[in-house]
PDB file of all heavy atoms in Angstrom:
ATOM      1  N   LEU A   1    -101.705 -62.320 -96.262  1.00  0.00           N
ATOM      2  CA  LEU A   1    -101.076 -63.620 -96.475  1.00  0.00           C
ATOM      3  C   LEU A   1    -100.243 -64.063 -95.284  1.00  0.00           C
ATOM      4  O   LEU A   1     -99.656 -63.226 -94.590  1.00  0.00           O
ATOM      5  CB  LEU A   1    -100.176 -63.565 -97.717  1.00  0.00           C
ATOM      6  CG  LEU A   1    -100.898 -63.336 -99.053  1.00  0.00           C
ATOM      7  CD1 LEU A   1     -99.855 -63.199-100.156  1.00  0.00           C
ATOM      8  CD2 LEU A   1    -101.838 -64.474 -99.371  1.00  0.00           C
ATOM      9  N   PRO A   2    -100.160 -65.384 -95.033  1.00  0.00           N
ATOM     10  CA  PRO A   2     -99.213 -65.897 -94.035  1.00  0.00           C
ATOM     11  C   PRO A   2     -97.804 -65.539 -94.447  1.00  0.00           C
ATOM     12  O   PRO A   2     -97.528 -65.269 -95.615  1.00  0.00           O
ATOM     13  CB  PRO A   2     -99.439 -67.421 -94.096  1.00  0.00           C
ATOM     14  CG  PRO A   2    -100.766 -67.596 -94.752  1.00  0.00           C
ATOM     15  CD  PRO A   2    -100.960 -66.432 -95.656  1.00  0.00           C
ATOM     16  N   LYS A   3     -96.893 -65.594 -93.487  1.00  0.00           N
ATOM     17  CA  LYS A   3     -95.529 -65.120 -93.724  1.00  0.00           C
ATOM     18  C   LYS A   3     -94.864 -65.821 -94.894  1.00  0.00           C
ATOM     19  O   LYS A   3     -94.275 -65.199 -95.771  1.00  0.00           O
ATOM     20  CB  LYS A   3     -94.693 -65.302 -92.461  1.00  0.00           C
ATOM     21  CG  LYS A   3     -93.308 -64.706 -92.567  1.00  0.00           C
ATOM     22  CD  LYS A   3     -92.579 -64.806 -91.247  1.00  0.00           C
ATOM     23  CE  LYS A   3     -91.177 -64.195 -91.355  1.00  0.00           C
ATOM     24  NZ  LYS A   3     -90.450 -64.283 -90.085  1.00  0.00           N
ATOM     25  N   THR A   4     -94.953 -67.176 -94.949  1.00  0.00           N
ATOM     26  CA  THR A   4     -94.260 -67.921 -96.012  1.00  0.00           C
ATOM     27  C   THR A   4     -94.899 -67.650 -97.356  1.00  0.00           C
ATOM     28  O   THR A   4     -94.230 -67.420 -98.354  1.00  0.00           O
ATOM     29  CB  THR A   4     -94.271 -69.425 -95.722  1.00  0.00           C
ATOM     30  OG1 THR A   4     -95.628 -69.833 -95.487  1.00  0.00           O
ATOM     31  CG2 THR A   4     -93.417 -69.739 -94.504  1.00  0.00           C
ATOM     32  N   SER A   5     -96.246 -67.681 -97.391  1.00  0.00           N
ATOM     33  CA  SER A   5     -96.942 -67.417 -98.650  1.00  0.00           C
ATOM     34  C   SER A   5     -96.726 -65.993 -99.100  1.00  0.00           C
ATOM     35  O   SER A   5     -96.619 -65.702-100.281  1.00  0.00           O
ATOM     36  CB  SER A   5     -98.446 -67.668 -98.476  1.00  0.00           C
ATOM     37  OG  SER A   5     -98.691 -69.009 -98.140  1.00  0.00           O
ATOM     38  N   ARG A   6     -96.645 -65.070 -98.108  1.00  0.00           N
ATOM     39  CA  ARG A   6     -96.450 -63.662 -98.405  1.00  0.00           C
ATOM     40  C   ARG A   6     -95.161 -63.430 -99.178  1.00  0.00           C
ATOM     41  O   ARG A   6     -95.139 -62.748-100.197  1.00  0.00           O
ATOM     42  CB  ARG A   6     -96.412 -62.875 -97.092  1.00  0.00           C
ATOM     43  CG  ARG A   6     -96.285 -61.386 -97.237  1.00  0.00           C
ATOM     44  CD  ARG A   6     -96.043 -60.751 -95.885  1.00  0.00           C
ATOM     45  NE  ARG A   6     -97.020 -61.184 -94.902  1.00  0.00           N
ATOM     46  CZ  ARG A   6     -96.814 -61.079 -93.598  1.00  0.00           C
ATOM     47  NH1 ARG A   6     -95.709 -60.581 -93.122  1.00  0.00           N
ATOM     48  NH2 ARG A   6     -97.750 -61.499 -92.747  1.00  0.00           N
ATOM     49  N   ALA A   7     -94.082 -64.037 -98.713  1.00  0.00           N
ATOM     50  CA  ALA A   7     -92.787 -63.836 -99.362  1.00  0.00           C
ATOM     51  C   ALA A   7     -92.801 -64.355-100.783  1.00  0.00           C
ATOM     52  O   ALA A   7     -92.329 -63.705-101.707  1.00  0.00           O
ATOM     53  CB  ALA A   7     -91.688 -64.525 -98.549  1.00  0.00           C
ATOM     54  N   GLN A   8     -93.395 -65.578-100.960  1.00  0.00           N
ATOM     55  CA  GLN A   8     -93.420 -66.186-102.284  1.00  0.00           C
ATOM     56  C   GLN A   8     -94.300 -65.393-103.238  1.00  0.00           C
ATOM     57  O   GLN A   8     -93.950 -65.149-104.387  1.00  0.00           O
ATOM     58  CB  GLN A   8     -93.913 -67.633-102.195  1.00  0.00           C
ATOM     59  CG  GLN A   8     -93.872 -68.388-103.515  1.00  0.00           C
ATOM     60  CD  GLN A   8     -92.474 -68.460-104.090  1.00  0.00           C
ATOM     61  OE1 GLN A   8     -91.500 -68.690-103.365  1.00  0.00           O
ATOM     62  NE2 GLN A   8     -92.343 -68.244-105.379  1.00  0.00           N
ATOM     63  N   SER A   9     -95.479 -64.957-102.748  1.00  0.00           N
ATOM     64  CA  SER A   9     -96.413 -64.224-103.600  1.00  0.00           C
ATOM     65  C   SER A   9     -95.843 -62.891-104.035  1.00  0.00           C
ATOM     66  O   SER A   9     -95.934 -62.515-105.196  1.00  0.00           O
ATOM     67  CB  SER A   9     -97.731 -64.014-102.853  1.00  0.00           C
ATOM     68  OG  SER A   9     -98.631 -63.269-103.638  1.00  0.00           O
ATOM     69  N   CYS A  10     -95.241 -62.166-103.106  1.00  0.00           N
ATOM     70  CA  CYS A  10     -94.655 -60.867-103.428  1.00  0.00           C
ATOM     71  C   CYS A  10     -93.489 -61.015-104.389  1.00  0.00           C
ATOM     72  O   CYS A  10     -93.309 -60.214-105.292  1.00  0.00           O
ATOM     73  CB  CYS A  10     -94.207 -60.149-102.163  1.00  0.00           C
ATOM     74  SG  CYS A  10     -95.594 -59.625-101.129  1.00  0.00           S
ATOM     75  N   LYS A  11     -92.700 -62.083-104.173  1.00  0.00           N
ATOM     76  CA  LYS A  11     -91.561 -62.329-105.056  1.00  0.00           C
ATOM     77  C   LYS A  11     -92.041 -62.606-106.471  1.00  0.00           C
ATOM     78  O   LYS A  11     -91.486 -62.091-107.448  1.00  0.00           O
ATOM     79  CB  LYS A  11     -90.746 -63.516-104.535  1.00  0.00           C
ATOM     80  CG  LYS A  11     -89.504 -63.812-105.371  1.00  0.00           C
ATOM     81  CD  LYS A  11     -88.739 -64.976-104.776  1.00  0.00           C
ATOM     82  CE  LYS A  11     -87.514 -65.303-105.620  1.00  0.00           C
ATOM     83  NZ  LYS A  11     -86.766 -66.465-105.092  1.00  0.00           N
ATOM     84  N   THR A  12     -93.105 -63.419-106.582  1.00  0.00           N
ATOM     85  CA  THR A  12     -93.655 -63.725-107.900  1.00  0.00           C
ATOM     86  C   THR A  12     -94.169 -62.480-108.587  1.00  0.00           C
ATOM     87  O   THR A  12     -93.929 -62.246-109.767  1.00  0.00           O
ATOM     88  CB  THR A  12     -94.800 -64.751-107.765  1.00  0.00           C
ATOM     89  OG1 THR A  12     -94.290 -65.929-107.151  1.00  0.00           O
ATOM     90  CG2 THR A  12     -95.396 -65.091-109.132  1.00  0.00           C
ATOM     91  N   ASN A  13     -94.858 -61.624-107.822  1.00  0.00           N
ATOM     92  CA  ASN A  13     -95.390 -60.381-108.374  1.00  0.00           C
ATOM     93  C   ASN A  13     -94.280 -59.487-108.884  1.00  0.00           C
ATOM     94  O   ASN A  13     -94.381 -58.892-109.957  1.00  0.00           O
ATOM     95  CB  ASN A  13     -96.210 -59.661-107.305  1.00  0.00           C
ATOM     96  CG  ASN A  13     -96.843 -58.379-107.841  1.00  0.00           C
ATOM     97  OD1 ASN A  13     -96.271 -57.318-107.681  1.00  0.00           O
ATOM     98  ND2 ASN A  13     -97.996 -58.502-108.468  1.00  0.00           N
ATOM     99  N   ASN A  14     -93.188 -59.397-108.119  1.00  0.00           N
ATOM    100  CA  ASN A  14     -92.049 -58.564-108.531  1.00  0.00           C
ATOM    101  C   ASN A  14     -91.405 -59.096-109.796  1.00  0.00           C
ATOM    102  O   ASN A  14     -91.019 -58.337-110.683  1.00  0.00           O
ATOM    103  CB  ASN A  14     -91.011 -58.489-107.407  1.00  0.00           C
ATOM    104  CG  ASN A  14     -91.486 -57.624-106.257  1.00  0.00           C
ATOM    105  OD1 ASN A  14     -92.344 -56.760-106.445  1.00  0.00           O
ATOM    106  ND2 ASN A  14     -90.954 -57.864-105.069  1.00  0.00           N
ATOM    107  N   ASN A  15     -91.271 -60.437-109.892  1.00  0.00           N
ATOM    108  CA  ASN A  15     -90.672 -61.041-111.088  1.00  0.00           C
ATOM    109  C   ASN A  15     -91.529 -60.784-112.308  1.00  0.00           C
ATOM    110  O   ASN A  15     -91.025 -60.490-113.393  1.00  0.00           O
ATOM    111  CB  ASN A  15     -90.492 -62.548-110.887  1.00  0.00           C
ATOM    112  CG  ASN A  15     -89.364 -62.881-109.931  1.00  0.00           C
ATOM    113  OD1 ASN A  15     -88.497 -62.035-109.701  1.00  0.00           O
ATOM    114  ND2 ASN A  15     -89.391 -64.069-109.364  1.00  0.00           N
ATOM    115  N   GLU A  16     -92.862 -60.895-112.137  1.00  0.00           N
ATOM    116  CA  GLU A  16     -93.758 -60.643-113.256  1.00  0.00           C
ATOM    117  C   GLU A  16     -93.668 -59.195-113.705  1.00  0.00           C
ATOM    118  O   GLU A  16     -93.710 -58.893-114.892  1.00  0.00           O
ATOM    119  CB  GLU A  16     -95.198 -60.976-112.848  1.00  0.00           C
ATOM    120  CG  GLU A  16     -95.455 -62.479-112.715  1.00  0.00           C
ATOM    121  CD  GLU A  16     -96.842 -62.784-112.184  1.00  0.00           C
ATOM    122  OE1 GLU A  16     -97.558 -61.822-111.818  1.00  0.00           O
ATOM    123  OE2 GLU A  16     -97.210 -63.964-112.147  1.00  0.00           O
ATOM    124  N   LYS A  17     -93.525 -58.282-112.718  1.00  0.00           N
ATOM    125  CA  LYS A  17     -93.407 -56.859-113.051  1.00  0.00           C
ATOM    126  C   LYS A  17     -92.138 -56.594-113.846  1.00  0.00           C
ATOM    127  O   LYS A  17     -92.137 -55.872-114.835  1.00  0.00           O
ATOM    128  CB  LYS A  17     -93.412 -56.027-111.770  1.00  0.00           C
ATOM    129  CG  LYS A  17     -93.365 -54.526-112.035  1.00  0.00           C
ATOM    130  CD  LYS A  17     -93.360 -53.750-110.731  1.00  0.00           C
ATOM    131  CE  LYS A  17     -93.240 -52.260-111.005  1.00  0.00           C
ATOM    132  NZ  LYS A  17     -93.141 -51.476-109.766  1.00  0.00           N
ATOM    133  N   LYS A  18     -91.001 -57.232-113.414  1.00  0.00           N
ATOM    134  CA  LYS A  18     -89.737 -57.030-114.117  1.00  0.00           C
ATOM    135  C   LYS A  18     -89.824 -57.554-115.540  1.00  0.00           C
ATOM    136  O   LYS A  18     -89.368 -56.921-116.482  1.00  0.00           O
ATOM    137  CB  LYS A  18     -88.597 -57.748-113.363  1.00  0.00           C
ATOM    138  CG  LYS A  18     -88.181 -57.043-112.085  1.00  0.00           C
ATOM    139  CD  LYS A  18     -87.082 -57.817-111.387  1.00  0.00           C
ATOM    140  CE  LYS A  18     -86.666 -57.147-110.090  1.00  0.00           C
ATOM    141  NZ  LYS A  18     -85.620 -57.934-109.376  1.00  0.00           N
ATOM    142  N   ASN A  19     -90.408 -58.770-115.705  1.00  0.00           N
ATOM    143  CA  ASN A  19     -90.542 -59.332-117.040  1.00  0.00           C
ATOM    144  C   ASN A  19     -91.420 -58.463-117.920  1.00  0.00           C
ATOM    145  O   ASN A  19     -91.147 -58.277-119.103  1.00  0.00           O
ATOM    146  CB  ASN A  19     -91.131 -60.743-116.959  1.00  0.00           C
ATOM    147  CG  ASN A  19     -90.127 -61.763-116.464  1.00  0.00           C
ATOM    148  OD1 ASN A  19     -88.925 -61.518-116.527  1.00  0.00           O
ATOM    149  ND2 ASN A  19     -90.609 -62.883-115.958  1.00  0.00           N
ATOM    150  N   SER A  20     -92.495 -57.912-117.341  1.00  0.00           N
ATOM    151  CA  SER A  20     -93.382 -57.037-118.093  1.00  0.00           C
ATOM    152  C   SER A  20     -92.658 -55.794-118.564  1.00  0.00           C
ATOM    153  O   SER A  20     -92.812 -55.350-119.699  1.00  0.00           O
ATOM    154  CB  SER A  20     -94.582 -56.651-117.229  1.00  0.00           C
ATOM    155  OG  SER A  20     -95.413 -55.745-117.906  1.00  0.00           O
ATOM    156  N   GLU A  21     -91.805 -55.234-117.695  1.00  0.00           N
ATOM    157  CA  GLU A  21     -91.055 -54.035-118.050  1.00  0.00           C
ATOM    158  C   GLU A  21     -90.078 -54.314-119.175  1.00  0.00           C
ATOM    159  O   GLU A  21     -89.884 -53.493-120.070  1.00  0.00           O
ATOM    160  CB  GLU A  21     -90.306 -53.516-116.822  1.00  0.00           C
ATOM    161  CG  GLU A  21     -91.233 -52.859-115.796  1.00  0.00           C
ATOM    162  CD  GLU A  21     -90.500 -52.489-114.524  1.00  0.00           C
ATOM    163  OE1 GLU A  21     -89.320 -52.889-114.380  1.00  0.00           O
ATOM    164  OE2 GLU A  21     -91.098 -51.813-113.674  1.00  0.00           O
ATOM    165  N   LYS A  22     -89.454 -55.515-119.142  1.00  0.00           N
ATOM    166  CA  LYS A  22     -88.488 -55.851-120.174  1.00  0.00           C
ATOM    167  C   LYS A  22     -89.155 -56.025-121.539  1.00  0.00           C
ATOM    168  O   LYS A  22     -88.547 -55.795-122.573  1.00  0.00           O
ATOM    169  CB  LYS A  22     -87.754 -57.145-119.783  1.00  0.00           C
ATOM    170  CG  LYS A  22     -86.790 -56.977-118.612  1.00  0.00           C
ATOM    171  CD  LYS A  22     -86.266 -58.319-118.144  1.00  0.00           C
ATOM    172  CE  LYS A  22     -85.405 -58.181-116.904  1.00  0.00           C
ATOM    173  NZ  LYS A  22     -84.974 -59.481-116.374  1.00  0.00           N
ATOM    174  N   LYS A  23     -90.413 -56.451-121.540  1.00  0.00           N
ATOM    175  CA  LYS A  23     -91.102 -56.731-122.790  1.00  0.00           C
ATOM    176  C   LYS A  23     -91.716 -55.483-123.426  1.00  0.00           C
ATOM    177  O   LYS A  23     -92.154 -55.518-124.557  1.00  0.00           O
ATOM    178  CB  LYS A  23     -92.195 -57.775-122.545  1.00  0.00           C
ATOM    179  CG  LYS A  23     -91.655 -59.161-122.238  1.00  0.00           C
ATOM    180  CD  LYS A  23     -92.747 -60.124-121.887  1.00  0.00           C
ATOM    181  CE  LYS A  23     -93.575 -60.507-123.075  1.00  0.00           C
ATOM    182  NZ  LYS A  23     -94.572 -61.546-122.765  1.00  0.00           N
ATOM    183  N   LYS A  24     -91.779 -54.390-122.678  1.00  0.00           N
ATOM    184  CA  LYS A  24     -92.391 -53.181-123.206  1.00  0.00           C
ATOM    185  C   LYS A  24     -91.516 -52.557-124.281  1.00  0.00           C
ATOM    186  O   LYS A  24     -90.302 -52.564-124.196  1.00  0.00           O
ATOM    187  CB  LYS A  24     -92.610 -52.170-122.083  1.00  0.00           C
ATOM    188  CG  LYS A  24     -93.736 -52.527-121.125  1.00  0.00           C
ATOM    189  CD  LYS A  24     -93.854 -51.494-120.028  1.00  0.00           C
ATOM    190  CE  LYS A  24     -94.932 -51.864-119.028  1.00  0.00           C
ATOM    191  NZ  LYS A  24     -95.001 -50.919-117.903  1.00  0.00           N
ATOM    192  N   GLY A  25     -92.145 -51.963-125.277  1.00  0.00           N
ATOM    193  CA  GLY A  25     -91.401 -51.205-126.274  1.00  0.00           C
ATOM    194  C   GLY A  25     -91.222 -51.960-127.575  1.00  0.00           C
ATOM    195  O   GLY A  25     -91.266 -53.181-127.640  1.00  0.00           O
ATOM    196  N   LYS A  26     -90.993 -51.193-128.625  1.00  0.00           N
ATOM    197  CA  LYS A  26     -90.772 -51.749-129.955  1.00  0.00           C
ATOM    198  C   LYS A  26     -89.332 -52.242-130.062  1.00  0.00           C
ATOM    199  O   LYS A  26     -88.395 -51.600-129.587  1.00  0.00           O
ATOM    200  CB  LYS A  26     -91.053 -50.683-131.007  1.00  0.00           C
ATOM    201  CG  LYS A  26     -91.144 -51.220-132.421  1.00  0.00           C
ATOM    202  CD  LYS A  26     -91.615 -50.161-133.395  1.00  0.00           C
ATOM    203  CE  LYS A  26     -91.714 -50.742-134.796  1.00  0.00           C
ATOM    204  NZ  LYS A  26     -92.151 -49.724-135.784  1.00  0.00           N
ATOM    205  N   ILE A  27     -89.162 -53.389-130.729  1.00  0.00           N
ATOM    206  CA  ILE A  27     -87.870 -54.084-130.758  1.00  0.00           C
ATOM    207  C   ILE A  27     -87.245 -54.051-132.148  1.00  0.00           C
ATOM    208  O   ILE A  27     -87.909 -54.283-133.157  1.00  0.00           O
ATOM    209  CB  ILE A  27     -88.043 -55.554-130.306  1.00  0.00           C
ATOM    210  CG1 ILE A  27     -88.486 -55.604-128.840  1.00  0.00           C
ATOM    211  CG2 ILE A  27     -86.753 -56.346-130.511  1.00  0.00           C
ATOM    212  CD1 ILE A  27     -88.912 -56.982-128.390  1.00  0.00           C
ATOM    213  N   LEU A  28     -85.934 -53.787-132.168  1.00  0.00           N
ATOM    214  CA  LEU A  28     -85.133 -53.879-133.389  1.00  0.00           C
ATOM    215  C   LEU A  28     -83.978 -54.826-133.129  1.00  0.00           C
ATOM    216  O   LEU A  28     -83.309 -54.743-132.099  1.00  0.00           O
ATOM    217  CB  LEU A  28     -84.600 -52.502-133.793  1.00  0.00           C
ATOM    218  CG  LEU A  28     -83.703 -52.458-135.037  1.00  0.00           C
ATOM    219  CD1 LEU A  28     -84.481 -52.857-136.285  1.00  0.00           C
ATOM    220  CD2 LEU A  28     -83.095 -51.059-135.211  1.00  0.00           C
ATOM    221  N   ILE A  29     -83.748 -55.727-134.073  1.00  0.00           N
ATOM    222  CA  ILE A  29     -82.632 -56.675-133.978  1.00  0.00           C
ATOM    223  C   ILE A  29     -81.615 -56.296-135.044  1.00  0.00           C
ATOM    224  O   ILE A  29     -81.869 -56.461-136.243  1.00  0.00           O
ATOM    225  CB  ILE A  29     -83.110 -58.128-134.182  1.00  0.00           C
ATOM    226  CG1 ILE A  29     -84.214 -58.475-133.167  1.00  0.00           C
ATOM    227  CG2 ILE A  29     -81.944 -59.104-134.055  1.00  0.00           C
ATOM    228  CD1 ILE A  29     -85.301 -59.341-133.720  1.00  0.00           C
ATOM    229  N   VAL A  30     -80.482 -55.763-134.616  1.00  0.00           N
ATOM    230  CA  VAL A  30     -79.413 -55.338-135.527  1.00  0.00           C
ATOM    231  C   VAL A  30     -78.295 -56.361-135.437  1.00  0.00           C
ATOM    232  O   VAL A  30     -77.837 -56.683-134.333  1.00  0.00           O
ATOM    233  CB  VAL A  30     -78.876 -53.942-135.150  1.00  0.00           C
ATOM    234  CG1 VAL A  30     -77.743 -53.536-136.082  1.00  0.00           C
ATOM    235  CG2 VAL A  30     -79.998 -52.914-135.183  1.00  0.00           C
ATOM    236  N   PHE A  31     -77.837 -56.867-136.575  1.00  0.00           N
ATOM    237  CA  PHE A  31     -76.812 -57.901-136.504  1.00  0.00           C
ATOM    238  C   PHE A  31     -75.973 -57.941-137.778  1.00  0.00           C
ATOM    239  O   PHE A  31     -76.407 -57.530-138.850  1.00  0.00           O
ATOM    240  CB  PHE A  31     -77.451 -59.279-136.284  1.00  0.00           C
ATOM    241  CG  PHE A  31     -78.227 -59.790-137.474  1.00  0.00           C
ATOM    242  CD1 PHE A  31     -77.646 -60.668-138.389  1.00  0.00           C
ATOM    243  CD2 PHE A  31     -79.530 -59.373-137.699  1.00  0.00           C
ATOM    244  CE1 PHE A  31     -78.351 -61.125-139.488  1.00  0.00           C
ATOM    245  CE2 PHE A  31     -80.252 -59.829-138.800  1.00  0.00           C
ATOM    246  CZ  PHE A  31     -79.666 -60.713-139.699  1.00  0.00           C
ATOM    247  N   PHE A  32     -74.755 -58.436-137.619  1.00  0.00           N
ATOM    248  CA  PHE A  32     -73.913 -58.816-138.749  1.00  0.00           C
ATOM    249  C   PHE A  32     -73.693 -60.313-138.651  1.00  0.00           C
ATOM    250  O   PHE A  32     -73.505 -60.859-137.557  1.00  0.00           O
ATOM    251  CB  PHE A  32     -72.554 -58.105-138.717  1.00  0.00           C
ATOM    252  CG  PHE A  32     -71.567 -58.710-139.689  1.00  0.00           C
ATOM    253  CD1 PHE A  32     -71.599 -58.357-141.025  1.00  0.00           C
ATOM    254  CD2 PHE A  32     -70.659 -59.672-139.271  1.00  0.00           C
ATOM    255  CE1 PHE A  32     -70.725 -58.946-141.934  1.00  0.00           C
ATOM    256  CE2 PHE A  32     -69.784 -60.263-140.167  1.00  0.00           C
ATOM    257  CZ  PHE A  32     -69.811 -59.892-141.506  1.00  0.00           C
ATOM    258  N   SER A  33     -73.694 -60.994-139.790  1.00  0.00           N
ATOM    259  CA  SER A  33     -73.458 -62.435-139.812  1.00  0.00           C
ATOM    260  C   SER A  33     -72.611 -62.787-141.026  1.00  0.00           C
ATOM    261  O   SER A  33     -72.824 -62.233-142.112  1.00  0.00           O
ATOM    262  CB  SER A  33     -74.799 -63.177-139.851  1.00  0.00           C
ATOM    263  OG  SER A  33     -74.629 -64.549-139.552  1.00  0.00           O
ATOM    264  N   HIS A  34     -71.672 -63.692-140.825  1.00  0.00           N
ATOM    265  CA  HIS A  34     -70.727 -64.044-141.898  1.00  0.00           C
ATOM    266  C   HIS A  34     -71.063 -65.394-142.502  1.00  0.00           C
ATOM    267  O   HIS A  34     -71.271 -66.380-141.798  1.00  0.00           O
ATOM    268  CB  HIS A  34     -69.298 -64.084-141.351  1.00  0.00           C
ATOM    269  CG  HIS A  34     -68.269 -64.345-142.399  1.00  0.00           C
ATOM    270  ND1 HIS A  34     -67.552 -65.525-142.473  1.00  0.00           N
ATOM    271  CD2 HIS A  34     -67.830 -63.575-143.428  1.00  0.00           C
ATOM    272  CE1 HIS A  34     -66.717 -65.467-143.508  1.00  0.00           C
ATOM    273  NE2 HIS A  34     -66.877 -64.297-144.097  1.00  0.00           N
ATOM    274  N   THR A  35     -71.104 -65.431-143.846  1.00  0.00           N
ATOM    275  CA  THR A  35     -71.274 -66.692-144.563  1.00  0.00           C
ATOM    276  C   THR A  35     -69.938 -67.082-145.192  1.00  0.00           C
ATOM    277  O   THR A  35     -68.980 -66.322-145.159  1.00  0.00           O
ATOM    278  CB  THR A  35     -72.346 -66.554-145.656  1.00  0.00           C
ATOM    279  OG1 THR A  35     -71.981 -65.482-146.544  1.00  0.00           O
ATOM    280  CG2 THR A  35     -73.706 -66.253-145.048  1.00  0.00           C
ATOM    281  N   GLY A  36     -69.912 -68.274-145.757  1.00  0.00           N
ATOM    282  CA  GLY A  36     -68.648 -68.776-146.302  1.00  0.00           C
ATOM    283  C   GLY A  36     -67.969 -69.677-145.280  1.00  0.00           C
ATOM    284  O   GLY A  36     -68.634 -70.361-144.495  1.00  0.00           O
ATOM    285  N   GLU A  37     -66.645 -69.679-145.268  1.00  0.00           N
ATOM    286  CA  GLU A  37     -65.901 -70.556-144.377  1.00  0.00           C
ATOM    287  C   GLU A  37     -65.871 -69.978-142.963  1.00  0.00           C
ATOM    288  O   GLU A  37     -65.375 -68.882-142.739  1.00  0.00           O
ATOM    289  CB  GLU A  37     -64.470 -70.754-144.887  1.00  0.00           C
ATOM    290  CG  GLU A  37     -63.685 -71.786-144.082  1.00  0.00           C
ATOM    291  CD  GLU A  37     -62.247 -71.947-144.583  1.00  0.00           C
ATOM    292  OE1 GLU A  37     -61.837 -71.183-145.479  1.00  0.00           O
ATOM    293  OE2 GLU A  37     -61.553 -72.831-144.056  1.00  0.00           O
ATOM    294  N   ASN A  38     -66.417 -70.722-142.018  1.00  0.00           N
ATOM    295  CA  ASN A  38     -66.440 -70.324-140.615  1.00  0.00           C
ATOM    296  C   ASN A  38     -65.764 -71.387-139.764  1.00  0.00           C
ATOM    297  O   ASN A  38     -65.896 -72.585-140.024  1.00  0.00           O
ATOM    298  CB  ASN A  38     -67.880 -70.138-140.125  1.00  0.00           C
ATOM    299  CG  ASN A  38     -68.450 -68.779-140.487  1.00  0.00           C
ATOM    300  OD1 ASN A  38     -68.739 -67.961-139.639  1.00  0.00           O
ATOM    301  ND2 ASN A  38     -68.638 -68.538-141.785  1.00  0.00           N
ATOM    302  N   TYR A  39     -65.083 -70.939-138.731  1.00  0.00           N
ATOM    303  CA  TYR A  39     -64.384 -71.865-137.827  1.00  0.00           C
ATOM    304  C   TYR A  39     -65.382 -72.828-137.192  1.00  0.00           C
ATOM    305  O   TYR A  39     -66.446 -72.432-136.736  1.00  0.00           O
ATOM    306  CB  TYR A  39     -63.671 -71.070-136.731  1.00  0.00           C
ATOM    307  CG  TYR A  39     -62.831 -71.918-135.805  1.00  0.00           C
ATOM    308  CD1 TYR A  39     -61.578 -72.378-136.212  1.00  0.00           C
ATOM    309  CD2 TYR A  39     -63.284 -72.259-134.540  1.00  0.00           C
ATOM    310  CE1 TYR A  39     -60.799 -73.155-135.371  1.00  0.00           C
ATOM    311  CE2 TYR A  39     -62.513 -73.037-133.689  1.00  0.00           C
ATOM    312  CZ  TYR A  39     -61.275 -73.485-134.112  1.00  0.00           C
ATOM    313  OH  TYR A  39     -60.507 -74.271-133.264  1.00  0.00           O
ATOM    314  N   ALA A  40     -65.050 -74.106-137.222  1.00  0.00           N
ATOM    315  CA  ALA A  40     -65.785 -75.192-136.560  1.00  0.00           C
ATOM    316  C   ALA A  40     -67.035 -75.665-137.311  1.00  0.00           C
ATOM    317  O   ALA A  40     -67.539 -76.741-137.039  1.00  0.00           O
ATOM    318  CB  ALA A  40     -66.183 -74.829-135.129  1.00  0.00           C
ATOM    319  N   VAL A  41     -67.524 -74.885-138.273  1.00  0.00           N
ATOM    320  CA  VAL A  41     -68.741 -75.305-138.975  1.00  0.00           C
ATOM    321  C   VAL A  41     -68.556 -75.403-140.489  1.00  0.00           C
ATOM    322  O   VAL A  41     -69.481 -75.789-141.206  1.00  0.00           O
ATOM    323  CB  VAL A  41     -69.931 -74.364-138.657  1.00  0.00           C
ATOM    324  CG1 VAL A  41     -70.295 -74.444-137.195  1.00  0.00           C
ATOM    325  CG2 VAL A  41     -69.636 -72.929-139.074  1.00  0.00           C
ATOM    326  N   GLY A  42     -67.383 -75.044-140.994  1.00  0.00           N
ATOM    327  CA  GLY A  42     -67.115 -75.166-142.421  1.00  0.00           C
ATOM    328  C   GLY A  42     -67.776 -74.082-143.250  1.00  0.00           C
ATOM    329  O   GLY A  42     -68.052 -72.986-142.759  1.00  0.00           O
TER     330      GLY A  42
END
């Protein structure tokens, strides 16, 4: 690749790799949430 295209292409590849790594694995969402009277929303 030319120098300018090279930098952009490699950067894109690295970003895709990072996003792929973040998406790997089984996900659990653990949370507590309060109902009833809440500040600002009633």
